[in-house]
Amino acid sequence: IHDGKAEEIHLDAYGETRDATSAS
């Protein structure tokens, strides 16, 4: 997931759901 050019988030879900929060 990319927010413009500055921020990038990587999520990996292997057999279960994963959450991540961005800086915004």
PDBML (XML) file of the C-alpha atoms, coordinates in Angstrom:
<?xml version="1.0" encoding="UTF-8" ?>
<PDBx:datablock datablockName="MODEL"
   xmlns:PDBx="http://pdbml.pdb.org/schema/pdbx-v50.xsd"
   xmlns:xsi="http://www.w3.org/2001/XMLSchema-instance"
   xsi:schemaLocation="http://pdbml.pdb.org/schema/pdbx-v50.xsd pdbx-v50.xsd">
   <PDBx:atom_siteCategory>
      <PDBx:atom_site id="1">
         <PDBx:B_iso_or_equiv>0.00</PDBx:B_iso_or_equiv>
         <PDBx:Cartn_x>0.000</PDBx:Cartn_x>
         <PDBx:Cartn_y>0.000</PDBx:Cartn_y>
         <PDBx:Cartn_z>0.000</PDBx:Cartn_z>
         <PDBx:auth_asym_id>A</PDBx:auth_asym_id>
         <PDBx:auth_atom_id>CA</PDBx:auth_atom_id>
         <PDBx:auth_comp_id>ILE</PDBx:auth_comp_id>
         <PDBx:auth_seq_id>1</PDBx:auth_seq_id>
         <PDBx:group_PDB>ATOM</PDBx:group_PDB>
         <PDBx:label_alt_id xsi:nil="true" />
         <PDBx:label_asym_id>A</PDBx:label_asym_id>
         <PDBx:label_atom_id>CA</PDBx:label_atom_id>
         <PDBx:label_comp_id>ILE</PDBx:label_comp_id>
         <PDBx:label_entity_id>1</PDBx:label_entity_id>
         <PDBx:label_seq_id>1</PDBx:label_seq_id>
         <PDBx:occupancy>1.00</PDBx:occupancy>
         <PDBx:pdbx_PDB_model_num>1</PDBx:pdbx_PDB_model_num>
         <PDBx:type_symbol>C</PDBx:type_symbol>
      </PDBx:atom_site>
      <PDBx:atom_site id="2">
         <PDBx:B_iso_or_equiv>0.00</PDBx:B_iso_or_equiv>
         <PDBx:Cartn_x>1.430</PDBx:Cartn_x>
         <PDBx:Cartn_y>3.369</PDBx:Cartn_y>
         <PDBx:Cartn_z>-1.038</PDBx:Cartn_z>
         <PDBx:auth_asym_id>A</PDBx:auth_asym_id>
         <PDBx:auth_atom_id>CA</PDBx:auth_atom_id>
         <PDBx:auth_comp_id>HIS</PDBx:auth_comp_id>
         <PDBx:auth_seq_id>2</PDBx:auth_seq_id>
         <PDBx:group_PDB>ATOM</PDBx:group_PDB>
         <PDBx:label_alt_id xsi:nil="true" />
         <PDBx:label_asym_id>A</PDBx:label_asym_id>
         <PDBx:label_atom_id>CA</PDBx:label_atom_id>
         <PDBx:label_comp_id>HIS</PDBx:label_comp_id>
         <PDBx:label_entity_id>1</PDBx:label_entity_id>
         <PDBx:label_seq_id>2</PDBx:label_seq_id>
         <PDBx:occupancy>1.00</PDBx:occupancy>
         <PDBx:pdbx_PDB_model_num>1</PDBx:pdbx_PDB_model_num>
         <PDBx:type_symbol>C</PDBx:type_symbol>
      </PDBx:atom_site>
      <PDBx:atom_site id="3">
         <PDBx:B_iso_or_equiv>0.00</PDBx:B_iso_or_equiv>
         <PDBx:Cartn_x>0.353</PDBx:Cartn_x>
         <PDBx:Cartn_y>6.797</PDBx:Cartn_y>
         <PDBx:Cartn_z>0.194</PDBx:Cartn_z>
         <PDBx:auth_asym_id>A</PDBx:auth_asym_id>
         <PDBx:auth_atom_id>CA</PDBx:auth_atom_id>
         <PDBx:auth_comp_id>ASP</PDBx:auth_comp_id>
         <PDBx:auth_seq_id>3</PDBx:auth_seq_id>
         <PDBx:group_PDB>ATOM</PDBx:group_PDB>
         <PDBx:label_alt_id xsi:nil="true" />
         <PDBx:label_asym_id>A</PDBx:label_asym_id>
         <PDBx:label_atom_id>CA</PDBx:label_atom_id>
         <PDBx:label_comp_id>ASP</PDBx:label_comp_id>
         <PDBx:label_entity_id>1</PDBx:label_entity_id>
         <PDBx:label_seq_id>3</PDBx:label_seq_id>
         <PDBx:occupancy>1.00</PDBx:occupancy>
         <PDBx:pdbx_PDB_model_num>1</PDBx:pdbx_PDB_model_num>
         <PDBx:type_symbol>C</PDBx:type_symbol>
      </PDBx:atom_site>
      <PDBx:atom_site id="4">
         <PDBx:B_iso_or_equiv>0.00</PDBx:B_iso_or_equiv>
         <PDBx:Cartn_x>1.759</PDBx:Cartn_x>
         <PDBx:Cartn_y>9.184</PDBx:Cartn_y>
         <PDBx:Cartn_z>-2.366</PDBx:Cartn_z>
         <PDBx:auth_asym_id>A</PDBx:auth_asym_id>
         <PDBx:auth_atom_id>CA</PDBx:auth_atom_id>
         <PDBx:auth_comp_id>GLY</PDBx:auth_comp_id>
         <PDBx:auth_seq_id>4</PDBx:auth_seq_id>
         <PDBx:group_PDB>ATOM</PDBx:group_PDB>
         <PDBx:label_alt_id xsi:nil="true" />
         <PDBx:label_asym_id>A</PDBx:label_asym_id>
         <PDBx:label_atom_id>CA</PDBx:label_atom_id>
         <PDBx:label_comp_id>GLY</PDBx:label_comp_id>
         <PDBx:label_entity_id>1</PDBx:label_entity_id>
         <PDBx:label_seq_id>4</PDBx:label_seq_id>
         <PDBx:occupancy>1.00</PDBx:occupancy>
         <PDBx:pdbx_PDB_model_num>1</PDBx:pdbx_PDB_model_num>
         <PDBx:type_symbol>C</PDBx:type_symbol>
      </PDBx:atom_site>
      <PDBx:atom_site id="5">
         <PDBx:B_iso_or_equiv>0.00</PDBx:B_iso_or_equiv>
         <PDBx:Cartn_x>5.523</PDBx:Cartn_x>
         <PDBx:Cartn_y>8.774</PDBx:Cartn_y>
         <PDBx:Cartn_z>-2.721</PDBx:Cartn_z>
         <PDBx:auth_asym_id>A</PDBx:auth_asym_id>
         <PDBx:auth_atom_id>CA</PDBx:auth_atom_id>
         <PDBx:auth_comp_id>LYS</PDBx:auth_comp_id>
         <PDBx:auth_seq_id>5</PDBx:auth_seq_id>
         <PDBx:group_PDB>ATOM</PDBx:group_PDB>
         <PDBx:label_alt_id xsi:nil="true" />
         <PDBx:label_asym_id>A</PDBx:label_asym_id>
         <PDBx:label_atom_id>CA</PDBx:label_atom_id>
         <PDBx:label_comp_id>LYS</PDBx:label_comp_id>
         <PDBx:label_entity_id>1</PDBx:label_entity_id>
         <PDBx:label_seq_id>5</PDBx:label_seq_id>
         <PDBx:occupancy>1.00</PDBx:occupancy>
         <PDBx:pdbx_PDB_model_num>1</PDBx:pdbx_PDB_model_num>
         <PDBx:type_symbol>C</PDBx:type_symbol>
      </PDBx:atom_site>
      <PDBx:atom_site id="6">
         <PDBx:B_iso_or_equiv>0.00</PDBx:B_iso_or_equiv>
         <PDBx:Cartn_x>6.570</PDBx:Cartn_x>
         <PDBx:Cartn_y>8.951</PDBx:Cartn_y>
         <PDBx:Cartn_z>0.936</PDBx:Cartn_z>
         <PDBx:auth_asym_id>A</PDBx:auth_asym_id>
         <PDBx:auth_atom_id>CA</PDBx:auth_atom_id>
         <PDBx:auth_comp_id>ALA</PDBx:auth_comp_id>
         <PDBx:auth_seq_id>6</PDBx:auth_seq_id>
         <PDBx:group_PDB>ATOM</PDBx:group_PDB>
         <PDBx:label_alt_id xsi:nil="true" />
         <PDBx:label_asym_id>A</PDBx:label_asym_id>
         <PDBx:label_atom_id>CA</PDBx:label_atom_id>
         <PDBx:label_comp_id>ALA</PDBx:label_comp_id>
         <PDBx:label_entity_id>1</PDBx:label_entity_id>
         <PDBx:label_seq_id>6</PDBx:label_seq_id>
         <PDBx:occupancy>1.00</PDBx:occupancy>
         <PDBx:pdbx_PDB_model_num>1</PDBx:pdbx_PDB_model_num>
         <PDBx:type_symbol>C</PDBx:type_symbol>
      </PDBx:atom_site>
      <PDBx:atom_site id="7">
         <PDBx:B_iso_or_equiv>0.00</PDBx:B_iso_or_equiv>
         <PDBx:Cartn_x>4.770</PDBx:Cartn_x>
         <PDBx:Cartn_y>6.160</PDBx:Cartn_y>
         <PDBx:Cartn_z>2.777</PDBx:Cartn_z>
         <PDBx:auth_asym_id>A</PDBx:auth_asym_id>
         <PDBx:auth_atom_id>CA</PDBx:auth_atom_id>
         <PDBx:auth_comp_id>GLU</PDBx:auth_comp_id>
         <PDBx:auth_seq_id>7</PDBx:auth_seq_id>
         <PDBx:group_PDB>ATOM</PDBx:group_PDB>
         <PDBx:label_alt_id xsi:nil="true" />
         <PDBx:label_asym_id>A</PDBx:label_asym_id>
         <PDBx:label_atom_id>CA</PDBx:label_atom_id>
         <PDBx:label_comp_id>GLU</PDBx:label_comp_id>
         <PDBx:label_entity_id>1</PDBx:label_entity_id>
         <PDBx:label_seq_id>7</PDBx:label_seq_id>
         <PDBx:occupancy>1.00</PDBx:occupancy>
         <PDBx:pdbx_PDB_model_num>1</PDBx:pdbx_PDB_model_num>
         <PDBx:type_symbol>C</PDBx:type_symbol>
      </PDBx:atom_site>
      <PDBx:atom_site id="8">
         <PDBx:B_iso_or_equiv>0.00</PDBx:B_iso_or_equiv>
         <PDBx:Cartn_x>4.595</PDBx:Cartn_x>
         <PDBx:Cartn_y>2.424</PDBx:Cartn_y>
         <PDBx:Cartn_z>2.093</PDBx:Cartn_z>
         <PDBx:auth_asym_id>A</PDBx:auth_asym_id>
         <PDBx:auth_atom_id>CA</PDBx:auth_atom_id>
         <PDBx:auth_comp_id>GLU</PDBx:auth_comp_id>
         <PDBx:auth_seq_id>8</PDBx:auth_seq_id>
         <PDBx:group_PDB>ATOM</PDBx:group_PDB>
         <PDBx:label_alt_id xsi:nil="true" />
         <PDBx:label_asym_id>A</PDBx:label_asym_id>
         <PDBx:label_atom_id>CA</PDBx:label_atom_id>
         <PDBx:label_comp_id>GLU</PDBx:label_comp_id>
         <PDBx:label_entity_id>1</PDBx:label_entity_id>
         <PDBx:label_seq_id>8</PDBx:label_seq_id>
         <PDBx:occupancy>1.00</PDBx:occupancy>
         <PDBx:pdbx_PDB_model_num>1</PDBx:pdbx_PDB_model_num>
         <PDBx:type_symbol>C</PDBx:type_symbol>
      </PDBx:atom_site>
      <PDBx:atom_site id="9">
         <PDBx:B_iso_or_equiv>0.00</PDBx:B_iso_or_equiv>
         <PDBx:Cartn_x>2.934</PDBx:Cartn_x>
         <PDBx:Cartn_y>-0.346</PDBx:Cartn_y>
         <PDBx:Cartn_z>4.120</PDBx:Cartn_z>
         <PDBx:auth_asym_id>A</PDBx:auth_asym_id>
         <PDBx:auth_atom_id>CA</PDBx:auth_atom_id>
         <PDBx:auth_comp_id>ILE</PDBx:auth_comp_id>
         <PDBx:auth_seq_id>9</PDBx:auth_seq_id>
         <PDBx:group_PDB>ATOM</PDBx:group_PDB>
         <PDBx:label_alt_id xsi:nil="true" />
         <PDBx:label_asym_id>A</PDBx:label_asym_id>
         <PDBx:label_atom_id>CA</PDBx:label_atom_id>
         <PDBx:label_comp_id>ILE</PDBx:label_comp_id>
         <PDBx:label_entity_id>1</PDBx:label_entity_id>
         <PDBx:label_seq_id>9</PDBx:label_seq_id>
         <PDBx:occupancy>1.00</PDBx:occupancy>
         <PDBx:pdbx_PDB_model_num>1</PDBx:pdbx_PDB_model_num>
         <PDBx:type_symbol>C</PDBx:type_symbol>
      </PDBx:atom_site>
      <PDBx:atom_site id="10">
         <PDBx:B_iso_or_equiv>0.00</PDBx:B_iso_or_equiv>
         <PDBx:Cartn_x>3.510</PDBx:Cartn_x>
         <PDBx:Cartn_y>-4.087</PDBx:Cartn_y>
         <PDBx:Cartn_z>3.657</PDBx:Cartn_z>
         <PDBx:auth_asym_id>A</PDBx:auth_asym_id>
         <PDBx:auth_atom_id>CA</PDBx:auth_atom_id>
         <PDBx:auth_comp_id>HIS</PDBx:auth_comp_id>
         <PDBx:auth_seq_id>10</PDBx:auth_seq_id>
         <PDBx:group_PDB>ATOM</PDBx:group_PDB>
         <PDBx:label_alt_id xsi:nil="true" />
         <PDBx:label_asym_id>A</PDBx:label_asym_id>
         <PDBx:label_atom_id>CA</PDBx:label_atom_id>
         <PDBx:label_comp_id>HIS</PDBx:label_comp_id>
         <PDBx:label_entity_id>1</PDBx:label_entity_id>
         <PDBx:label_seq_id>10</PDBx:label_seq_id>
         <PDBx:occupancy>1.00</PDBx:occupancy>
         <PDBx:pdbx_PDB_model_num>1</PDBx:pdbx_PDB_model_num>
         <PDBx:type_symbol>C</PDBx:type_symbol>
      </PDBx:atom_site>
      <PDBx:atom_site id="11">
         <PDBx:B_iso_or_equiv>0.00</PDBx:B_iso_or_equiv>
         <PDBx:Cartn_x>0.911</PDBx:Cartn_x>
         <PDBx:Cartn_y>-6.582</PDBx:Cartn_y>
         <PDBx:Cartn_z>4.876</PDBx:Cartn_z>
         <PDBx:auth_asym_id>A</PDBx:auth_asym_id>
         <PDBx:auth_atom_id>CA</PDBx:auth_atom_id>
         <PDBx:auth_comp_id>LEU</PDBx:auth_comp_id>
         <PDBx:auth_seq_id>11</PDBx:auth_seq_id>
         <PDBx:group_PDB>ATOM</PDBx:group_PDB>
         <PDBx:label_alt_id xsi:nil="true" />
         <PDBx:label_asym_id>A</PDBx:label_asym_id>
         <PDBx:label_atom_id>CA</PDBx:label_atom_id>
         <PDBx:label_comp_id>LEU</PDBx:label_comp_id>
         <PDBx:label_entity_id>1</PDBx:label_entity_id>
         <PDBx:label_seq_id>11</PDBx:label_seq_id>
         <PDBx:occupancy>1.00</PDBx:occupancy>
         <PDBx:pdbx_PDB_model_num>1</PDBx:pdbx_PDB_model_num>
         <PDBx:type_symbol>C</PDBx:type_symbol>
      </PDBx:atom_site>
      <PDBx:atom_site id="12">
         <PDBx:B_iso_or_equiv>0.00</PDBx:B_iso_or_equiv>
         <PDBx:Cartn_x>1.298</PDBx:Cartn_x>
         <PDBx:Cartn_y>-10.370</PDBx:Cartn_y>
         <PDBx:Cartn_z>4.801</PDBx:Cartn_z>
         <PDBx:auth_asym_id>A</PDBx:auth_asym_id>
         <PDBx:auth_atom_id>CA</PDBx:auth_atom_id>
         <PDBx:auth_comp_id>ASP</PDBx:auth_comp_id>
         <PDBx:auth_seq_id>12</PDBx:auth_seq_id>
         <PDBx:group_PDB>ATOM</PDBx:group_PDB>
         <PDBx:label_alt_id xsi:nil="true" />
         <PDBx:label_asym_id>A</PDBx:label_asym_id>
         <PDBx:label_atom_id>CA</PDBx:label_atom_id>
         <PDBx:label_comp_id>ASP</PDBx:label_comp_id>
         <PDBx:label_entity_id>1</PDBx:label_entity_id>
         <PDBx:label_seq_id>12</PDBx:label_seq_id>
         <PDBx:occupancy>1.00</PDBx:occupancy>
         <PDBx:pdbx_PDB_model_num>1</PDBx:pdbx_PDB_model_num>
         <PDBx:type_symbol>C</PDBx:type_symbol>
      </PDBx:atom_site>
      <PDBx:atom_site id="13">
         <PDBx:B_iso_or_equiv>0.00</PDBx:B_iso_or_equiv>
         <PDBx:Cartn_x>-1.583</PDBx:Cartn_x>
         <PDBx:Cartn_y>-12.681</PDBx:Cartn_y>
         <PDBx:Cartn_z>5.744</PDBx:Cartn_z>
         <PDBx:auth_asym_id>A</PDBx:auth_asym_id>
         <PDBx:auth_atom_id>CA</PDBx:auth_atom_id>
         <PDBx:auth_comp_id>ALA</PDBx:auth_comp_id>
         <PDBx:auth_seq_id>13</PDBx:auth_seq_id>
         <PDBx:group_PDB>ATOM</PDBx:group_PDB>
         <PDBx:label_alt_id xsi:nil="true" />
         <PDBx:label_asym_id>A</PDBx:label_asym_id>
         <PDBx:label_atom_id>CA</PDBx:label_atom_id>
         <PDBx:label_comp_id>ALA</PDBx:label_comp_id>
         <PDBx:label_entity_id>1</PDBx:label_entity_id>
         <PDBx:label_seq_id>13</PDBx:label_seq_id>
         <PDBx:occupancy>1.00</PDBx:occupancy>
         <PDBx:pdbx_PDB_model_num>1</PDBx:pdbx_PDB_model_num>
         <PDBx:type_symbol>C</PDBx:type_symbol>
      </PDBx:atom_site>
      <PDBx:atom_site id="14">
         <PDBx:B_iso_or_equiv>0.00</PDBx:B_iso_or_equiv>
         <PDBx:Cartn_x>-0.638</PDBx:Cartn_x>
         <PDBx:Cartn_y>-16.360</PDBx:Cartn_y>
         <PDBx:Cartn_z>6.068</PDBx:Cartn_z>
         <PDBx:auth_asym_id>A</PDBx:auth_asym_id>
         <PDBx:auth_atom_id>CA</PDBx:auth_atom_id>
         <PDBx:auth_comp_id>TYR</PDBx:auth_comp_id>
         <PDBx:auth_seq_id>14</PDBx:auth_seq_id>
         <PDBx:group_PDB>ATOM</PDBx:group_PDB>
         <PDBx:label_alt_id xsi:nil="true" />
         <PDBx:label_asym_id>A</PDBx:label_asym_id>
         <PDBx:label_atom_id>CA</PDBx:label_atom_id>
         <PDBx:label_comp_id>TYR</PDBx:label_comp_id>
         <PDBx:label_entity_id>1</PDBx:label_entity_id>
         <PDBx:label_seq_id>14</PDBx:label_seq_id>
         <PDBx:occupancy>1.00</PDBx:occupancy>
         <PDBx:pdbx_PDB_model_num>1</PDBx:pdbx_PDB_model_num>
         <PDBx:type_symbol>C</PDBx:type_symbol>
      </PDBx:atom_site>
      <PDBx:atom_site id="15">
         <PDBx:B_iso_or_equiv>0.00</PDBx:B_iso_or_equiv>
         <PDBx:Cartn_x>-3.643</PDBx:Cartn_x>
         <PDBx:Cartn_y>-18.302</PDBx:Cartn_y>
         <PDBx:Cartn_z>7.303</PDBx:Cartn_z>
         <PDBx:auth_asym_id>A</PDBx:auth_asym_id>
         <PDBx:auth_atom_id>CA</PDBx:auth_atom_id>
         <PDBx:auth_comp_id>GLY</PDBx:auth_comp_id>
         <PDBx:auth_seq_id>15</PDBx:auth_seq_id>
         <PDBx:group_PDB>ATOM</PDBx:group_PDB>
         <PDBx:label_alt_id xsi:nil="true" />
         <PDBx:label_asym_id>A</PDBx:label_asym_id>
         <PDBx:label_atom_id>CA</PDBx:label_atom_id>
         <PDBx:label_comp_id>GLY</PDBx:label_comp_id>
         <PDBx:label_entity_id>1</PDBx:label_entity_id>
         <PDBx:label_seq_id>15</PDBx:label_seq_id>
         <PDBx:occupancy>1.00</PDBx:occupancy>
         <PDBx:pdbx_PDB_model_num>1</PDBx:pdbx_PDB_model_num>
         <PDBx:type_symbol>C</PDBx:type_symbol>
      </PDBx:atom_site>
      <PDBx:atom_site id="16">
         <PDBx:B_iso_or_equiv>0.00</PDBx:B_iso_or_equiv>
         <PDBx:Cartn_x>-5.025</PDBx:Cartn_x>
         <PDBx:Cartn_y>-15.429</PDBx:Cartn_y>
         <PDBx:Cartn_z>9.405</PDBx:Cartn_z>
         <PDBx:auth_asym_id>A</PDBx:auth_asym_id>
         <PDBx:auth_atom_id>CA</PDBx:auth_atom_id>
         <PDBx:auth_comp_id>GLU</PDBx:auth_comp_id>
         <PDBx:auth_seq_id>16</PDBx:auth_seq_id>
         <PDBx:group_PDB>ATOM</PDBx:group_PDB>
         <PDBx:label_alt_id xsi:nil="true" />
         <PDBx:label_asym_id>A</PDBx:label_asym_id>
         <PDBx:label_atom_id>CA</PDBx:label_atom_id>
         <PDBx:label_comp_id>GLU</PDBx:label_comp_id>
         <PDBx:label_entity_id>1</PDBx:label_entity_id>
         <PDBx:label_seq_id>16</PDBx:label_seq_id>
         <PDBx:occupancy>1.00</PDBx:occupancy>
         <PDBx:pdbx_PDB_model_num>1</PDBx:pdbx_PDB_model_num>
         <PDBx:type_symbol>C</PDBx:type_symbol>
      </PDBx:atom_site>
      <PDBx:atom_site id="17">
         <PDBx:B_iso_or_equiv>0.00</PDBx:B_iso_or_equiv>
         <PDBx:Cartn_x>-6.111</PDBx:Cartn_x>
         <PDBx:Cartn_y>-11.802</PDBx:Cartn_y>
         <PDBx:Cartn_z>9.004</PDBx:Cartn_z>
         <PDBx:auth_asym_id>A</PDBx:auth_asym_id>
         <PDBx:auth_atom_id>CA</PDBx:auth_atom_id>
         <PDBx:auth_comp_id>THR</PDBx:auth_comp_id>
         <PDBx:auth_seq_id>17</PDBx:auth_seq_id>
         <PDBx:group_PDB>ATOM</PDBx:group_PDB>
         <PDBx:label_alt_id xsi:nil="true" />
         <PDBx:label_asym_id>A</PDBx:label_asym_id>
         <PDBx:label_atom_id>CA</PDBx:label_atom_id>
         <PDBx:label_comp_id>THR</PDBx:label_comp_id>
         <PDBx:label_entity_id>1</PDBx:label_entity_id>
         <PDBx:label_seq_id>17</PDBx:label_seq_id>
         <PDBx:occupancy>1.00</PDBx:occupancy>
         <PDBx:pdbx_PDB_model_num>1</PDBx:pdbx_PDB_model_num>
         <PDBx:type_symbol>C</PDBx:type_symbol>
      </PDBx:atom_site>
      <PDBx:atom_site id="18">
         <PDBx:B_iso_or_equiv>0.00</PDBx:B_iso_or_equiv>
         <PDBx:Cartn_x>-3.537</PDBx:Cartn_x>
         <PDBx:Cartn_y>-9.029</PDBx:Cartn_y>
         <PDBx:Cartn_z>9.518</PDBx:Cartn_z>
         <PDBx:auth_asym_id>A</PDBx:auth_asym_id>
         <PDBx:auth_atom_id>CA</PDBx:auth_atom_id>
         <PDBx:auth_comp_id>ARG</PDBx:auth_comp_id>
         <PDBx:auth_seq_id>18</PDBx:auth_seq_id>
         <PDBx:group_PDB>ATOM</PDBx:group_PDB>
         <PDBx:label_alt_id xsi:nil="true" />
         <PDBx:label_asym_id>A</PDBx:label_asym_id>
         <PDBx:label_atom_id>CA</PDBx:label_atom_id>
         <PDBx:label_comp_id>ARG</PDBx:label_comp_id>
         <PDBx:label_entity_id>1</PDBx:label_entity_id>
         <PDBx:label_seq_id>18</PDBx:label_seq_id>
         <PDBx:occupancy>1.00</PDBx:occupancy>
         <PDBx:pdbx_PDB_model_num>1</PDBx:pdbx_PDB_model_num>
         <PDBx:type_symbol>C</PDBx:type_symbol>
      </PDBx:atom_site>
      <PDBx:atom_site id="19">
         <PDBx:B_iso_or_equiv>0.00</PDBx:B_iso_or_equiv>
         <PDBx:Cartn_x>-3.986</PDBx:Cartn_x>
         <PDBx:Cartn_y>-5.357</PDBx:Cartn_y>
         <PDBx:Cartn_z>10.444</PDBx:Cartn_z>
         <PDBx:auth_asym_id>A</PDBx:auth_asym_id>
         <PDBx:auth_atom_id>CA</PDBx:auth_atom_id>
         <PDBx:auth_comp_id>ASP</PDBx:auth_comp_id>
         <PDBx:auth_seq_id>19</PDBx:auth_seq_id>
         <PDBx:group_PDB>ATOM</PDBx:group_PDB>
         <PDBx:label_alt_id xsi:nil="true" />
         <PDBx:label_asym_id>A</PDBx:label_asym_id>
         <PDBx:label_atom_id>CA</PDBx:label_atom_id>
         <PDBx:label_comp_id>ASP</PDBx:label_comp_id>
         <PDBx:label_entity_id>1</PDBx:label_entity_id>
         <PDBx:label_seq_id>19</PDBx:label_seq_id>
         <PDBx:occupancy>1.00</PDBx:occupancy>
         <PDBx:pdbx_PDB_model_num>1</PDBx:pdbx_PDB_model_num>
         <PDBx:type_symbol>C</PDBx:type_symbol>
      </PDBx:atom_site>
      <PDBx:atom_site id="20">
         <PDBx:B_iso_or_equiv>0.00</PDBx:B_iso_or_equiv>
         <PDBx:Cartn_x>-1.627</PDBx:Cartn_x>
         <PDBx:Cartn_y>-2.414</PDBx:Cartn_y>
         <PDBx:Cartn_z>10.013</PDBx:Cartn_z>
         <PDBx:auth_asym_id>A</PDBx:auth_asym_id>
         <PDBx:auth_atom_id>CA</PDBx:auth_atom_id>
         <PDBx:auth_comp_id>ALA</PDBx:auth_comp_id>
         <PDBx:auth_seq_id>20</PDBx:auth_seq_id>
         <PDBx:group_PDB>ATOM</PDBx:group_PDB>
         <PDBx:label_alt_id xsi:nil="true" />
         <PDBx:label_asym_id>A</PDBx:label_asym_id>
         <PDBx:label_atom_id>CA</PDBx:label_atom_id>
         <PDBx:label_comp_id>ALA</PDBx:label_comp_id>
         <PDBx:label_entity_id>1</PDBx:label_entity_id>
         <PDBx:label_seq_id>20</PDBx:label_seq_id>
         <PDBx:occupancy>1.00</PDBx:occupancy>
         <PDBx:pdbx_PDB_model_num>1</PDBx:pdbx_PDB_model_num>
         <PDBx:type_symbol>C</PDBx:type_symbol>
      </PDBx:atom_site>
      <PDBx:atom_site id="21">
         <PDBx:B_iso_or_equiv>0.00</PDBx:B_iso_or_equiv>
         <PDBx:Cartn_x>-2.086</PDBx:Cartn_x>
         <PDBx:Cartn_y>1.283</PDBx:Cartn_y>
         <PDBx:Cartn_z>10.689</PDBx:Cartn_z>
         <PDBx:auth_asym_id>A</PDBx:auth_asym_id>
         <PDBx:auth_atom_id>CA</PDBx:auth_atom_id>
         <PDBx:auth_comp_id>THR</PDBx:auth_comp_id>
         <PDBx:auth_seq_id>21</PDBx:auth_seq_id>
         <PDBx:group_PDB>ATOM</PDBx:group_PDB>
         <PDBx:label_alt_id xsi:nil="true" />
         <PDBx:label_asym_id>A</PDBx:label_asym_id>
         <PDBx:label_atom_id>CA</PDBx:label_atom_id>
         <PDBx:label_comp_id>THR</PDBx:label_comp_id>
         <PDBx:label_entity_id>1</PDBx:label_entity_id>
         <PDBx:label_seq_id>21</PDBx:label_seq_id>
         <PDBx:occupancy>1.00</PDBx:occupancy>
         <PDBx:pdbx_PDB_model_num>1</PDBx:pdbx_PDB_model_num>
         <PDBx:type_symbol>C</PDBx:type_symbol>
      </PDBx:atom_site>
      <PDBx:atom_site id="22">
         <PDBx:B_iso_or_equiv>0.00</PDBx:B_iso_or_equiv>
         <PDBx:Cartn_x>-0.565</PDBx:Cartn_x>
         <PDBx:Cartn_y>3.945</PDBx:Cartn_y>
         <PDBx:Cartn_z>8.500</PDBx:Cartn_z>
         <PDBx:auth_asym_id>A</PDBx:auth_asym_id>
         <PDBx:auth_atom_id>CA</PDBx:auth_atom_id>
         <PDBx:auth_comp_id>SER</PDBx:auth_comp_id>
         <PDBx:auth_seq_id>22</PDBx:auth_seq_id>
         <PDBx:group_PDB>ATOM</PDBx:group_PDB>
         <PDBx:label_alt_id xsi:nil="true" />
         <PDBx:label_asym_id>A</PDBx:label_asym_id>
         <PDBx:label_atom_id>CA</PDBx:label_atom_id>
         <PDBx:label_comp_id>SER</PDBx:label_comp_id>
         <PDBx:label_entity_id>1</PDBx:label_entity_id>
         <PDBx:label_seq_id>22</PDBx:label_seq_id>
         <PDBx:occupancy>1.00</PDBx:occupancy>
         <PDBx:pdbx_PDB_model_num>1</PDBx:pdbx_PDB_model_num>
         <PDBx:type_symbol>C</PDBx:type_symbol>
      </PDBx:atom_site>
      <PDBx:atom_site id="23">
         <PDBx:B_iso_or_equiv>0.00</PDBx:B_iso_or_equiv>
         <PDBx:Cartn_x>0.809</PDBx:Cartn_x>
         <PDBx:Cartn_y>7.252</PDBx:Cartn_y>
         <PDBx:Cartn_z>9.764</PDBx:Cartn_z>
         <PDBx:auth_asym_id>A</PDBx:auth_asym_id>
         <PDBx:auth_atom_id>CA</PDBx:auth_atom_id>
         <PDBx:auth_comp_id>ALA</PDBx:auth_comp_id>
         <PDBx:auth_seq_id>23</PDBx:auth_seq_id>
         <PDBx:group_PDB>ATOM</PDBx:group_PDB>
         <PDBx:label_alt_id xsi:nil="true" />
         <PDBx:label_asym_id>A</PDBx:label_asym_id>
         <PDBx:label_atom_id>CA</PDBx:label_atom_id>
         <PDBx:label_comp_id>ALA</PDBx:label_comp_id>
         <PDBx:label_entity_id>1</PDBx:label_entity_id>
         <PDBx:label_seq_id>23</PDBx:label_seq_id>
         <PDBx:occupancy>1.00</PDBx:occupancy>
         <PDBx:pdbx_PDB_model_num>1</PDBx:pdbx_PDB_model_num>
         <PDBx:type_symbol>C</PDBx:type_symbol>
      </PDBx:atom_site>
      <PDBx:atom_site id="24">
         <PDBx:B_iso_or_equiv>0.00</PDBx:B_iso_or_equiv>
         <PDBx:Cartn_x>-2.327</PDBx:Cartn_x>
         <PDBx:Cartn_y>9.020</PDBx:Cartn_y>
         <PDBx:Cartn_z>8.539</PDBx:Cartn_z>
         <PDBx:auth_asym_id>A</PDBx:auth_asym_id>
         <PDBx:auth_atom_id>CA</PDBx:auth_atom_id>
         <PDBx:auth_comp_id>SER</PDBx:auth_comp_id>
         <PDBx:auth_seq_id>24</PDBx:auth_seq_id>
         <PDBx:group_PDB>ATOM</PDBx:group_PDB>
         <PDBx:label_alt_id xsi:nil="true" />
         <PDBx:label_asym_id>A</PDBx:label_asym_id>
         <PDBx:label_atom_id>CA</PDBx:label_atom_id>
         <PDBx:label_comp_id>SER</PDBx:label_comp_id>
         <PDBx:label_entity_id>1</PDBx:label_entity_id>
         <PDBx:label_seq_id>24</PDBx:label_seq_id>
         <PDBx:occupancy>1.00</PDBx:occupancy>
         <PDBx:pdbx_PDB_model_num>1</PDBx:pdbx_PDB_model_num>
         <PDBx:type_symbol>C</PDBx:type_symbol>
      </PDBx:atom_site>
   </PDBx:atom_siteCategory>
</PDBx:datablock>
